[in-house]
Amino acid sequence: MATTTSITTTYAGEFAGDYISAALLSGNTLNRGNIEIKPNIKFKEIIKKVATDSNVIKDATCDFSDTATVTLTERVLQPEEFQVNLELCKKDFRSDWEAIQMGYSAYDNLPPKFSDFLIGHVAGLVAEKTEQNIWGGVNGNAGEFDGFTVLMAADSDVNDASNGSETSFTSSNIVTLLSNVVDSIPNAVYGQEDLKIYVPPVAYQAYIRHLGGYGANGLGAQGYDNKGNQWYNNNASLSFEGIEVVYTNGMPSDHIVAGQKSNLYFGTGLLSDHNEVKVLDMADLDGSQNVRVVMRFTSGVQYGIGSDLVLLTLA
């Protein structure tokens, strides 16, 4: 049975515009290179971890003597398979104001402008869901894989930052919570060039408001650069104590993650699969008036060393 399609538009002269969809979350974690991307994984990839004693230097002797223990462990990055399947009936579009674009034959086509729009819209929805899965996906839910916060919460090696019993991010508590995250970063990781603090939109907004002078421990009534709540231009990058603060729109609203970009991995088969949407006219195959929209891809995440990561979870 075809996917239910509701045509609620009205004819009002020649169509001269483009279809407009609701704003979609862009997959900024991948688009902006905020984690490592590992393509061309057909089944699984093993991430090797090397650990040694903290002090490998010993007093010299005339003989060869092991100065440390080297331990090799591994984590598995195994992308899962996902699909998008939609079916539309061309008959539903004959009464719409794009009917003329379908042709005059009874063997008509899906309106080309709508076909183009649908391809972009489906690809955008996949980007949005993938962004959410990367950080907060739960493998038990349909269309999801375990995200970083789920994997980290189950790993005792990950450093847990104090939440101060806070239940939400506000302009009054955000600096304290970010400080708790920084305090939990291991010494060997602190100061690394690719160290980042990944925050959800609500935490990012709270930090911007705090810097505008509206936090309990703010910068005065006029805030940063004496501009009050006008200081942020929506493009400037933020940092906290010298560490980049990354706006992560797929992050669950009750978490903050800190770690090196090089320790966080997204795995997939072909990256192009995430942008390939196939539109199949079924008329020549089964004689129907249906058009199918198909998309197939694989996705998954994993990190290397849990003890180099910090997770803050609100109470």
C-alpha atoms as a PDB file:
ATOM      1  CA  MET A   1       0.000   0.000   0.000  1.00  0.00           C
ATOM      2  CA  ALA A   2       1.334   3.427  -0.919  1.00  0.00           C
ATOM      3  CA  THR A   3       2.487   5.816   1.789  1.00  0.00           C
ATOM      4  CA  THR A   4      -0.462   8.068   2.723  1.00  0.00           C
ATOM      5  CA  THR A   5      -0.109  11.380   0.861  1.00  0.00           C
ATOM      6  CA  SER A   6      -2.164  14.441   1.721  1.00  0.00           C
ATOM      7  CA  ILE A   7      -2.496  17.132  -0.967  1.00  0.00           C
ATOM      8  CA  THR A   8      -3.842  20.287   0.693  1.00  0.00           C
ATOM      9  CA  THR A   9      -2.542  22.972  -1.698  1.00  0.00           C
ATOM     10  CA  THR A  10      -4.773  25.001  -4.038  1.00  0.00           C
ATOM     11  CA  TYR A  11      -4.316  26.144  -7.632  1.00  0.00           C
ATOM     12  CA  ALA A  12      -3.564  29.868  -7.800  1.00  0.00           C
ATOM     13  CA  GLY A  13      -2.152  30.578 -11.247  1.00  0.00           C
ATOM     14  CA  GLU A  14       1.105  29.344 -12.739  1.00  0.00           C
ATOM     15  CA  PHE A  15       3.419  27.756 -10.203  1.00  0.00           C
ATOM     16  CA  ALA A  16       6.523  29.939  -9.923  1.00  0.00           C
ATOM     17  CA  GLY A  17       8.051  28.992  -6.608  1.00  0.00           C
ATOM     18  CA  ASP A  18       9.915  26.116  -5.037  1.00  0.00           C
ATOM     19  CA  TYR A  19       8.749  23.731  -2.393  1.00  0.00           C
ATOM     20  CA  ILE A  20       9.758  24.781   1.090  1.00  0.00           C
ATOM     21  CA  SER A  21      10.258  22.284   3.889  1.00  0.00           C
ATOM     22  CA  ALA A  22      10.523  22.910   7.603  1.00  0.00           C
ATOM     23  CA  ALA A  23      14.068  23.679   8.779  1.00  0.00           C
ATOM     24  CA  LEU A  24      16.057  20.488   9.263  1.00  0.00           C
ATOM     25  CA  LEU A  25      18.906  19.921  11.656  1.00  0.00           C
ATOM     26  CA  SER A  26      22.108  19.854   9.654  1.00  0.00           C
ATOM     27  CA  GLY A  27      24.432  17.025  10.550  1.00  0.00           C
ATOM     28  CA  ASN A  28      27.083  19.401  11.880  1.00  0.00           C
ATOM     29  CA  THR A  29      29.102  16.752  13.723  1.00  0.00           C
ATOM     30  CA  LEU A  30      30.078  15.169  10.404  1.00  0.00           C
ATOM     31  CA  ASN A  31      29.823  18.208   8.137  1.00  0.00           C
ATOM     32  CA  ARG A  32      32.180  20.245  10.311  1.00  0.00           C
ATOM     33  CA  GLY A  33      34.598  17.409  10.962  1.00  0.00           C
ATOM     34  CA  ASN A  34      34.097  17.381  14.735  1.00  0.00           C
ATOM     35  CA  ILE A  35      34.822  13.637  14.972  1.00  0.00           C
ATOM     36  CA  GLU A  36      36.877  11.224  12.896  1.00  0.00           C
ATOM     37  CA  ILE A  37      35.105   9.577   9.944  1.00  0.00           C
ATOM     38  CA  LYS A  38      36.068   6.015   8.998  1.00  0.00           C
ATOM     39  CA  PRO A  39      34.529   5.092   5.614  1.00  0.00           C
ATOM     40  CA  ASN A  40      34.720   1.852   3.631  1.00  0.00           C
ATOM     41  CA  ILE A  41      33.832  -0.442   6.536  1.00  0.00           C
ATOM     42  CA  LYS A  42      32.015  -3.404   5.022  1.00  0.00           C
ATOM     43  CA  PHE A  43      31.380  -5.285   8.268  1.00  0.00           C
ATOM     44  CA  LYS A  44      33.466  -4.153  11.228  1.00  0.00           C
ATOM     45  CA  GLU A  45      36.764  -2.469  12.050  1.00  0.00           C
ATOM     46  CA  ILE A  46      38.947  -3.096  15.077  1.00  0.00           C
ATOM     47  CA  ILE A  47      40.253  -0.039  16.930  1.00  0.00           C
ATOM     48  CA  LYS A  48      43.456  -1.001  18.706  1.00  0.00           C
ATOM     49  CA  LYS A  49      44.316   0.525  22.085  1.00  0.00           C
ATOM     50  CA  VAL A  50      47.838   0.512  23.532  1.00  0.00           C
ATOM     51  CA  ALA A  51      48.491   0.970  27.253  1.00  0.00           C
ATOM     52  CA  THR A  52      51.838   0.961  29.082  1.00  0.00           C
ATOM     53  CA  ASP A  53      53.062   1.573  32.601  1.00  0.00           C
ATOM     54  CA  SER A  54      53.155   5.273  33.398  1.00  0.00           C
ATOM     55  CA  ASN A  55      56.911   5.200  34.030  1.00  0.00           C
ATOM     56  CA  VAL A  56      58.837   3.457  31.244  1.00  0.00           C
ATOM     57  CA  ILE A  57      62.223   4.917  32.257  1.00  0.00           C
ATOM     58  CA  LYS A  58      64.336   2.822  34.633  1.00  0.00           C
ATOM     59  CA  ASP A  59      67.922   2.967  35.868  1.00  0.00           C
ATOM     60  CA  ALA A  60      70.393   1.661  33.295  1.00  0.00           C
ATOM     61  CA  THR A  61      72.100  -1.748  33.632  1.00  0.00           C
ATOM     62  CA  CYS A  62      74.399  -3.804  31.422  1.00  0.00           C
ATOM     63  CA  ASP A  63      71.576  -6.186  30.506  1.00  0.00           C
ATOM     64  CA  PHE A  64      68.331  -5.831  28.578  1.00  0.00           C
ATOM     65  CA  SER A  65      65.489  -5.713  31.053  1.00  0.00           C
ATOM     66  CA  ASP A  66      61.842  -4.959  30.379  1.00  0.00           C
ATOM     67  CA  THR A  67      61.071  -1.510  31.741  1.00  0.00           C
ATOM     68  CA  ALA A  68      57.313  -1.583  31.274  1.00  0.00           C
ATOM     69  CA  THR A  69      54.311  -3.719  30.488  1.00  0.00           C
ATOM     70  CA  VAL A  70      52.592  -3.132  27.151  1.00  0.00           C
ATOM     71  CA  THR A  71      48.917  -4.049  26.996  1.00  0.00           C
ATOM     72  CA  LEU A  72      46.970  -4.229  23.740  1.00  0.00           C
ATOM     73  CA  THR A  73      43.186  -4.087  23.846  1.00  0.00           C
ATOM     74  CA  GLU A  74      40.590  -3.303  21.224  1.00  0.00           C
ATOM     75  CA  ARG A  75      37.182  -1.815  20.576  1.00  0.00           C
ATOM     76  CA  VAL A  76      34.933  -2.789  17.685  1.00  0.00           C
ATOM     77  CA  LEU A  77      33.364  -0.285  15.297  1.00  0.00           C
ATOM     78  CA  GLN A  78      30.539  -2.104  13.534  1.00  0.00           C
ATOM     79  CA  PRO A  79      28.178   0.071  11.462  1.00  0.00           C
ATOM     80  CA  GLU A  80      24.558  -1.076  11.284  1.00  0.00           C
ATOM     81  CA  GLU A  81      22.421  -1.198   8.149  1.00  0.00           C
ATOM     82  CA  PHE A  82      19.481   1.181   7.734  1.00  0.00           C
ATOM     83  CA  GLN A  83      16.988   1.974   4.994  1.00  0.00           C
ATOM     84  CA  VAL A  84      14.338   4.467   3.917  1.00  0.00           C
ATOM     85  CA  ASN A  85      11.385   3.126   1.891  1.00  0.00           C
ATOM     86  CA  LEU A  86       8.539   5.373   0.736  1.00  0.00           C
ATOM     87  CA  GLU A  87       5.884   4.734  -1.907  1.00  0.00           C
ATOM     88  CA  LEU A  88       3.804   7.456  -3.548  1.00  0.00           C
ATOM     89  CA  CYS A  89       0.909   7.097  -5.966  1.00  0.00           C
ATOM     90  CA  LYS A  90       1.061   9.452  -8.961  1.00  0.00           C
ATOM     91  CA  LYS A  91      -2.730   9.628  -8.938  1.00  0.00           C
ATOM     92  CA  ASP A  92      -2.568  11.720  -5.761  1.00  0.00           C
ATOM     93  CA  PHE A  93      -0.872  14.531  -7.714  1.00  0.00           C
ATOM     94  CA  ARG A  94      -3.239  14.803 -10.689  1.00  0.00           C
ATOM     95  CA  SER A  95      -5.475  17.320  -8.907  1.00  0.00           C
ATOM     96  CA  ASP A  96      -2.568  19.329  -7.587  1.00  0.00           C
ATOM     97  CA  TRP A  97      -1.302  22.540  -9.185  1.00  0.00           C
ATOM     98  CA  GLU A  98       1.685  20.680 -10.646  1.00  0.00           C
ATOM     99  CA  ALA A  99      -0.468  18.237 -12.607  1.00  0.00           C
ATOM    100  CA  ILE A 100       0.536  19.746 -15.973  1.00  0.00           C
ATOM    101  CA  GLN A 101       4.143  18.798 -15.274  1.00  0.00           C
ATOM    102  CA  MET A 102       3.145  15.136 -15.075  1.00  0.00           C
ATOM    103  CA  GLY A 103       2.315  15.062 -18.784  1.00  0.00           C
ATOM    104  CA  TYR A 104      -1.011  14.487 -20.511  1.00  0.00           C
ATOM    105  CA  SER A 105      -0.661  10.722 -20.987  1.00  0.00           C
ATOM    106  CA  ALA A 106      -2.389   8.278 -18.677  1.00  0.00           C
ATOM    107  CA  TYR A 107       1.121   6.922 -18.132  1.00  0.00           C
ATOM    108  CA  ASP A 108       2.180  10.050 -16.320  1.00  0.00           C
ATOM    109  CA  ASN A 109       5.222  10.883 -14.212  1.00  0.00           C
ATOM    110  CA  LEU A 110       5.807  12.210 -10.725  1.00  0.00           C
ATOM    111  CA  PRO A 111       6.047  16.034 -10.890  1.00  0.00           C
ATOM    112  CA  PRO A 112       9.761  16.723 -11.429  1.00  0.00           C
ATOM    113  CA  LYS A 113       9.959  19.652  -9.030  1.00  0.00           C
ATOM    114  CA  PHE A 114       8.333  17.561  -6.321  1.00  0.00           C
ATOM    115  CA  SER A 115      10.680  14.680  -7.108  1.00  0.00           C
ATOM    116  CA  ASP A 116      13.686  16.972  -6.633  1.00  0.00           C
ATOM    117  CA  PHE A 117      12.250  18.343  -3.421  1.00  0.00           C
ATOM    118  CA  LEU A 118      11.514  14.864  -2.076  1.00  0.00           C
ATOM    119  CA  ILE A 119      15.077  13.692  -2.713  1.00  0.00           C
ATOM    120  CA  GLY A 120      16.526  16.652  -0.801  1.00  0.00           C
ATOM    121  CA  HIS A 121      13.959  16.350   1.975  1.00  0.00           C
ATOM    122  CA  VAL A 122      14.627  12.638   2.583  1.00  0.00           C
ATOM    123  CA  ALA A 123      18.400  13.177   2.551  1.00  0.00           C
ATOM    124  CA  GLY A 124      17.950  15.992   5.068  1.00  0.00           C
ATOM    125  CA  LEU A 125      15.866  13.814   7.377  1.00  0.00           C
ATOM    126  CA  VAL A 126      18.551  11.135   7.280  1.00  0.00           C
ATOM    127  CA  ALA A 127      21.232  13.726   8.154  1.00  0.00           C
ATOM    128  CA  GLU A 128      19.101  14.912  11.085  1.00  0.00           C
ATOM    129  CA  LYS A 129      18.510  11.408  12.442  1.00  0.00           C
ATOM    130  CA  THR A 130      22.153  10.434  11.994  1.00  0.00           C
ATOM    131  CA  GLU A 131      23.259  13.498  13.973  1.00  0.00           C
ATOM    132  CA  GLN A 132      20.923  12.508  16.814  1.00  0.00           C
ATOM    133  CA  ASN A 133      22.049   8.872  16.689  1.00  0.00           C
ATOM    134  CA  ILE A 134      25.734   9.785  16.874  1.00  0.00           C
ATOM    135  CA  TRP A 135      25.282  11.264  20.335  1.00  0.00           C
ATOM    136  CA  GLY A 136      22.137   9.804  21.857  1.00  0.00           C
ATOM    137  CA  GLY A 137      20.949   6.866  19.758  1.00  0.00           C
ATOM    138  CA  VAL A 138      19.807   3.664  21.476  1.00  0.00           C
ATOM    139  CA  ASN A 139      20.397   0.431  19.591  1.00  0.00           C
ATOM    140  CA  GLY A 140      17.135  -1.074  20.864  1.00  0.00           C
ATOM    141  CA  ASN A 141      15.106   1.596  19.041  1.00  0.00           C
ATOM    142  CA  ALA A 142      14.220   1.141  15.368  1.00  0.00           C
ATOM    143  CA  GLY A 143      16.444   3.184  13.088  1.00  0.00           C
ATOM    144  CA  GLU A 144      19.057   3.870  15.780  1.00  0.00           C
ATOM    145  CA  PHE A 145      22.511   2.704  16.849  1.00  0.00           C
ATOM    146  CA  ASP A 146      24.131   3.261  20.240  1.00  0.00           C
ATOM    147  CA  GLY A 147      25.427   6.829  20.413  1.00  0.00           C
ATOM    148  CA  PHE A 148      28.425   8.154  22.304  1.00  0.00           C
ATOM    149  CA  THR A 149      26.554   9.120  25.474  1.00  0.00           C
ATOM    150  CA  VAL A 150      24.977   5.657  25.702  1.00  0.00           C
ATOM    151  CA  LEU A 151      28.304   3.900  25.151  1.00  0.00           C
ATOM    152  CA  MET A 152      30.120   6.153  27.631  1.00  0.00           C
ATOM    153  CA  ALA A 153      27.464   5.811  30.338  1.00  0.00           C
ATOM    154  CA  ALA A 154      27.983   2.034  30.283  1.00  0.00           C
ATOM    155  CA  ASP A 155      31.796   2.277  30.406  1.00  0.00           C
ATOM    156  CA  SER A 156      33.415   2.531  33.843  1.00  0.00           C
ATOM    157  CA  ASP A 157      36.649   3.773  32.239  1.00  0.00           C
ATOM    158  CA  VAL A 158      35.006   7.045  31.184  1.00  0.00           C
ATOM    159  CA  ASN A 159      35.511   9.929  33.627  1.00  0.00           C
ATOM    160  CA  ASP A 160      32.228  11.146  35.124  1.00  0.00           C
ATOM    161  CA  ALA A 161      32.046  14.884  35.825  1.00  0.00           C
ATOM    162  CA  SER A 162      30.058  16.094  38.828  1.00  0.00           C
ATOM    163  CA  ASN A 163      26.607  17.416  37.939  1.00  0.00           C
ATOM    164  CA  GLY A 164      26.103  19.238  41.246  1.00  0.00           C
ATOM    165  CA  SER A 165      22.596  17.687  41.373  1.00  0.00           C
ATOM    166  CA  GLU A 166      21.550  20.099  38.603  1.00  0.00           C
ATOM    167  CA  THR A 167      18.613  19.017  36.442  1.00  0.00           C
ATOM    168  CA  SER A 168      18.999  21.532  33.604  1.00  0.00           C
ATOM    169  CA  PHE A 169      21.528  23.870  32.013  1.00  0.00           C
ATOM    170  CA  THR A 170      21.016  27.542  32.865  1.00  0.00           C
ATOM    171  CA  SER A 171      23.016  30.763  32.571  1.00  0.00           C
ATOM    172  CA  SER A 172      23.554  30.575  36.344  1.00  0.00           C
ATOM    173  CA  ASN A 173      25.033  27.062  36.522  1.00  0.00           C
ATOM    174  CA  ILE A 174      26.652  26.538  33.109  1.00  0.00           C
ATOM    175  CA  VAL A 175      30.102  27.850  34.115  1.00  0.00           C
ATOM    176  CA  THR A 176      30.185  25.617  37.196  1.00  0.00           C
ATOM    177  CA  LEU A 177      29.194  22.568  35.151  1.00  0.00           C
ATOM    178  CA  LEU A 178      31.711  23.326  32.408  1.00  0.00           C
ATOM    179  CA  SER A 179      34.357  23.775  35.120  1.00  0.00           C
ATOM    180  CA  ASN A 180      33.468  20.333  36.488  1.00  0.00           C
ATOM    181  CA  VAL A 181      33.962  18.877  33.021  1.00  0.00           C
ATOM    182  CA  VAL A 182      37.365  20.539  32.587  1.00  0.00           C
ATOM    183  CA  ASP A 183      38.447  19.421  36.053  1.00  0.00           C
ATOM    184  CA  SER A 184      37.705  15.814  35.038  1.00  0.00           C
ATOM    185  CA  ILE A 185      39.837  15.894  31.882  1.00  0.00           C
ATOM    186  CA  PRO A 186      42.955  13.706  32.365  1.00  0.00           C
ATOM    187  CA  ASN A 187      46.280  15.549  32.470  1.00  0.00           C
ATOM    188  CA  ALA A 188      47.522  13.689  29.400  1.00  0.00           C
ATOM    189  CA  VAL A 189      44.539  14.943  27.381  1.00  0.00           C
ATOM    190  CA  TYR A 190      44.316  18.494  28.709  1.00  0.00           C
ATOM    191  CA  GLY A 191      46.101  20.846  26.330  1.00  0.00           C
ATOM    192  CA  GLN A 192      45.876  18.568  23.292  1.00  0.00           C
ATOM    193  CA  GLU A 193      45.205  20.485  20.104  1.00  0.00           C
ATOM    194  CA  ASP A 194      42.080  18.549  19.134  1.00  0.00           C
ATOM    195  CA  LEU A 195      40.472  18.575  22.596  1.00  0.00           C
ATOM    196  CA  LYS A 196      36.853  19.746  22.448  1.00  0.00           C
ATOM    197  CA  ILE A 197      33.852  20.153  24.737  1.00  0.00           C
ATOM    198  CA  TYR A 198      30.682  18.956  22.990  1.00  0.00           C
ATOM    199  CA  VAL A 199      27.485  20.544  24.315  1.00  0.00           C
ATOM    200  CA  PRO A 200      23.779  20.361  23.374  1.00  0.00           C
ATOM    201  CA  PRO A 201      21.945  23.453  22.089  1.00  0.00           C
ATOM    202  CA  VAL A 202      20.429  24.259  25.516  1.00  0.00           C
ATOM    203  CA  ALA A 203      23.881  24.337  27.153  1.00  0.00           C
ATOM    204  CA  TYR A 204      25.339  26.387  24.301  1.00  0.00           C
ATOM    205  CA  GLN A 205      22.534  28.930  24.646  1.00  0.00           C
ATOM    206  CA  ALA A 206      22.999  29.065  28.418  1.00  0.00           C
ATOM    207  CA  TYR A 207      26.708  29.818  27.980  1.00  0.00           C
ATOM    208  CA  ILE A 208      25.977  32.588  25.450  1.00  0.00           C
ATOM    209  CA  ARG A 209      23.467  34.140  27.851  1.00  0.00           C
ATOM    210  CA  HIS A 210      25.938  33.888  30.713  1.00  0.00           C
ATOM    211  CA  LEU A 211      28.591  35.691  28.670  1.00  0.00           C
ATOM    212  CA  GLY A 212      26.010  38.394  27.982  1.00  0.00           C
ATOM    213  CA  GLY A 213      26.103  39.224  31.688  1.00  0.00           C
ATOM    214  CA  TYR A 214      23.028  37.371  32.865  1.00  0.00           C
ATOM    215  CA  GLY A 215      24.588  34.559  34.894  1.00  0.00           C
ATOM    216  CA  ALA A 216      24.987  34.613  38.660  1.00  0.00           C
ATOM    217  CA  ASN A 217      28.745  34.785  38.127  1.00  0.00           C
ATOM    218  CA  GLY A 218      28.568  36.811  34.921  1.00  0.00           C
ATOM    219  CA  LEU A 219      30.736  39.603  33.581  1.00  0.00           C
ATOM    220  CA  GLY A 220      28.576  42.420  34.869  1.00  0.00           C
ATOM    221  CA  ALA A 221      25.328  43.718  33.472  1.00  0.00           C
ATOM    222  CA  GLN A 222      26.845  44.407  30.048  1.00  0.00           C
ATOM    223  CA  GLY A 223      28.627  41.080  29.745  1.00  0.00           C
ATOM    224  CA  TYR A 224      31.295  40.220  27.217  1.00  0.00           C
ATOM    225  CA  ASP A 225      32.777  43.216  25.390  1.00  0.00           C
ATOM    226  CA  ASN A 226      30.161  45.430  27.119  1.00  0.00           C
ATOM    227  CA  LYS A 227      27.552  44.418  24.532  1.00  0.00           C
ATOM    228  CA  GLY A 228      25.048  42.664  26.783  1.00  0.00           C
ATOM    229  CA  ASN A 229      22.866  40.146  24.979  1.00  0.00           C
ATOM    230  CA  GLN A 230      23.923  41.632  21.627  1.00  0.00           C
ATOM    231  CA  TRP A 231      27.491  40.342  21.838  1.00  0.00           C
ATOM    232  CA  TYR A 232      26.982  37.044  19.971  1.00  0.00           C
ATOM    233  CA  ASN A 233      26.595  37.195  16.179  1.00  0.00           C
ATOM    234  CA  ASN A 234      25.653  33.525  15.692  1.00  0.00           C
ATOM    235  CA  ASN A 235      28.899  32.827  13.864  1.00  0.00           C
ATOM    236  CA  ALA A 236      31.590  33.342  16.475  1.00  0.00           C
ATOM    237  CA  SER A 237      33.180  30.224  17.922  1.00  0.00           C
ATOM    238  CA  LEU A 238      33.087  29.739  21.679  1.00  0.00           C
ATOM    239  CA  SER A 239      35.742  28.447  24.042  1.00  0.00           C
ATOM    240  CA  PHE A 240      35.931  27.736  27.745  1.00  0.00           C
ATOM    241  CA  GLU A 241      39.263  28.130  29.488  1.00  0.00           C
ATOM    242  CA  GLY A 242      40.966  27.792  26.116  1.00  0.00           C
ATOM    243  CA  ILE A 243      39.052  24.665  25.024  1.00  0.00           C
ATOM    244  CA  GLU A 244      36.741  24.859  22.008  1.00  0.00           C
ATOM    245  CA  VAL A 245      33.055  24.524  22.877  1.00  0.00           C
ATOM    246  CA  VAL A 246      31.265  22.712  20.037  1.00  0.00           C
ATOM    247  CA  TYR A 247      27.585  23.302  19.293  1.00  0.00           C
ATOM    248  CA  THR A 248      26.299  19.734  18.923  1.00  0.00           C
ATOM    249  CA  ASN A 249      22.666  19.786  17.858  1.00  0.00           C
ATOM    250  CA  GLY A 250      22.262  16.015  18.106  1.00  0.00           C
ATOM    251  CA  MET A 251      23.456  15.840  21.715  1.00  0.00           C
ATOM    252  CA  PRO A 252      20.781  14.885  24.297  1.00  0.00           C
ATOM    253  CA  SER A 253      19.840  17.914  26.394  1.00  0.00           C
ATOM    254  CA  ASP A 254      21.129  16.364  29.640  1.00  0.00           C
ATOM    255  CA  HIS A 255      24.733  15.624  28.635  1.00  0.00           C
ATOM    256  CA  ILE A 256      28.119  17.234  27.969  1.00  0.00           C
ATOM    257  CA  VAL A 257      31.065  15.296  26.508  1.00  0.00           C
ATOM    258  CA  ALA A 258      34.732  16.282  26.471  1.00  0.00           C
ATOM    259  CA  GLY A 259      37.446  14.505  24.554  1.00  0.00           C
ATOM    260  CA  GLN A 260      39.792  14.566  21.612  1.00  0.00           C
ATOM    261  CA  LYS A 261      38.315  14.539  18.138  1.00  0.00           C
ATOM    262  CA  SER A 262      40.848  11.829  17.244  1.00  0.00           C
ATOM    263  CA  ASN A 263      39.339   9.542  19.905  1.00  0.00           C
ATOM    264  CA  LEU A 264      35.777   9.647  18.508  1.00  0.00           C
ATOM    265  CA  TYR A 265      34.879   7.695  15.370  1.00  0.00           C
ATOM    266  CA  PHE A 266      31.946   7.511  12.966  1.00  0.00           C
ATOM    267  CA  GLY A 267      31.974   4.426  10.739  1.00  0.00           C
ATOM    268  CA  THR A 268      30.113   3.767   7.513  1.00  0.00           C
ATOM    269  CA  GLY A 269      30.392   1.884   4.240  1.00  0.00           C
ATOM    270  CA  LEU A 270      30.368   4.526   1.514  1.00  0.00           C
ATOM    271  CA  LEU A 271      29.897   8.162   2.508  1.00  0.00           C
ATOM    272  CA  SER A 272      28.049   8.712  -0.766  1.00  0.00           C
ATOM    273  CA  ASP A 273      25.319   6.309   0.411  1.00  0.00           C
ATOM    274  CA  HIS A 274      24.148   9.018   2.820  1.00  0.00           C
ATOM    275  CA  ASN A 275      23.462  11.364  -0.105  1.00  0.00           C
ATOM    276  CA  GLU A 276      22.031   8.881  -2.612  1.00  0.00           C
ATOM    277  CA  VAL A 277      18.248   8.747  -2.806  1.00  0.00           C
ATOM    278  CA  LYS A 278      16.759   6.591  -5.572  1.00  0.00           C
ATOM    279  CA  VAL A 279      13.366   7.401  -7.092  1.00  0.00           C
ATOM    280  CA  LEU A 280      11.932   4.355  -8.884  1.00  0.00           C
ATOM    281  CA  ASP A 281       8.883   4.578 -11.179  1.00  0.00           C
ATOM    282  CA  MET A 282       7.141   1.210 -10.868  1.00  0.00           C
ATOM    283  CA  ALA A 283       4.965   1.604 -14.004  1.00  0.00           C
ATOM    284  CA  ASP A 284       7.259  -0.437 -16.246  1.00  0.00           C
ATOM    285  CA  LEU A 285       7.808  -3.111 -13.582  1.00  0.00           C
ATOM    286  CA  ASP A 286       4.354  -3.926 -12.216  1.00  0.00           C
ATOM    287  CA  GLY A 287       2.004  -1.681 -14.170  1.00  0.00           C
ATOM    288  CA  SER A 288       1.122   0.349 -11.091  1.00  0.00           C
ATOM    289  CA  GLN A 289       1.044   4.127 -10.686  1.00  0.00           C
ATOM    290  CA  ASN A 290       3.401   4.012  -7.731  1.00  0.00           C
ATOM    291  CA  VAL A 291       6.777   5.667  -7.326  1.00  0.00           C
ATOM    292  CA  ARG A 292       9.181   4.327  -4.710  1.00  0.00           C
ATOM    293  CA  VAL A 293      11.806   6.319  -2.836  1.00  0.00           C
ATOM    294  CA  VAL A 294      14.689   4.155  -1.610  1.00  0.00           C
ATOM    295  CA  MET A 295      17.763   4.895   0.476  1.00  0.00           C
ATOM    296  CA  ARG A 296      20.217   2.415   2.056  1.00  0.00           C
ATOM    297  CA  PHE A 297      23.274   3.139   4.187  1.00  0.00           C
ATOM    298  CA  THR A 298      25.273   1.990   7.216  1.00  0.00           C
ATOM    299  CA  SER A 299      26.210   3.974  10.330  1.00  0.00           C
ATOM    300  CA  GLY A 300      27.800   3.460  13.724  1.00  0.00           C
ATOM    301  CA  VAL A 301      30.077   5.143  16.258  1.00  0.00           C
ATOM    302  CA  GLN A 302      32.805   4.076  18.655  1.00  0.00           C
ATOM    303  CA  TYR A 303      35.586   5.657  20.678  1.00  0.00           C
ATOM    304  CA  GLY A 304      39.105   4.445  21.306  1.00  0.00           C
ATOM    305  CA  ILE A 305      40.177   5.106  24.885  1.00  0.00           C
ATOM    306  CA  GLY A 306      37.380   5.579  27.423  1.00  0.00           C
ATOM    307  CA  SER A 307      39.686   6.870  30.166  1.00  0.00           C
ATOM    308  CA  ASP A 308      40.539   9.879  27.947  1.00  0.00           C
ATOM    309  CA  LEU A 309      36.884  10.972  27.793  1.00  0.00           C
ATOM    310  CA  VAL A 310      34.634  12.915  30.154  1.00  0.00           C
ATOM    311  CA  LEU A 311      30.851  12.560  30.426  1.00  0.00           C
ATOM    312  CA  LEU A 312      28.571  14.857  32.407  1.00  0.00           C
ATOM    313  CA  THR A 313      24.997  13.692  32.936  1.00  0.00           C
ATOM    314  CA  LEU A 314      22.419  15.905  34.642  1.00  0.00           C
ATOM    315  CA  ALA A 315      20.682  14.505  37.709  1.00  0.00           C
END
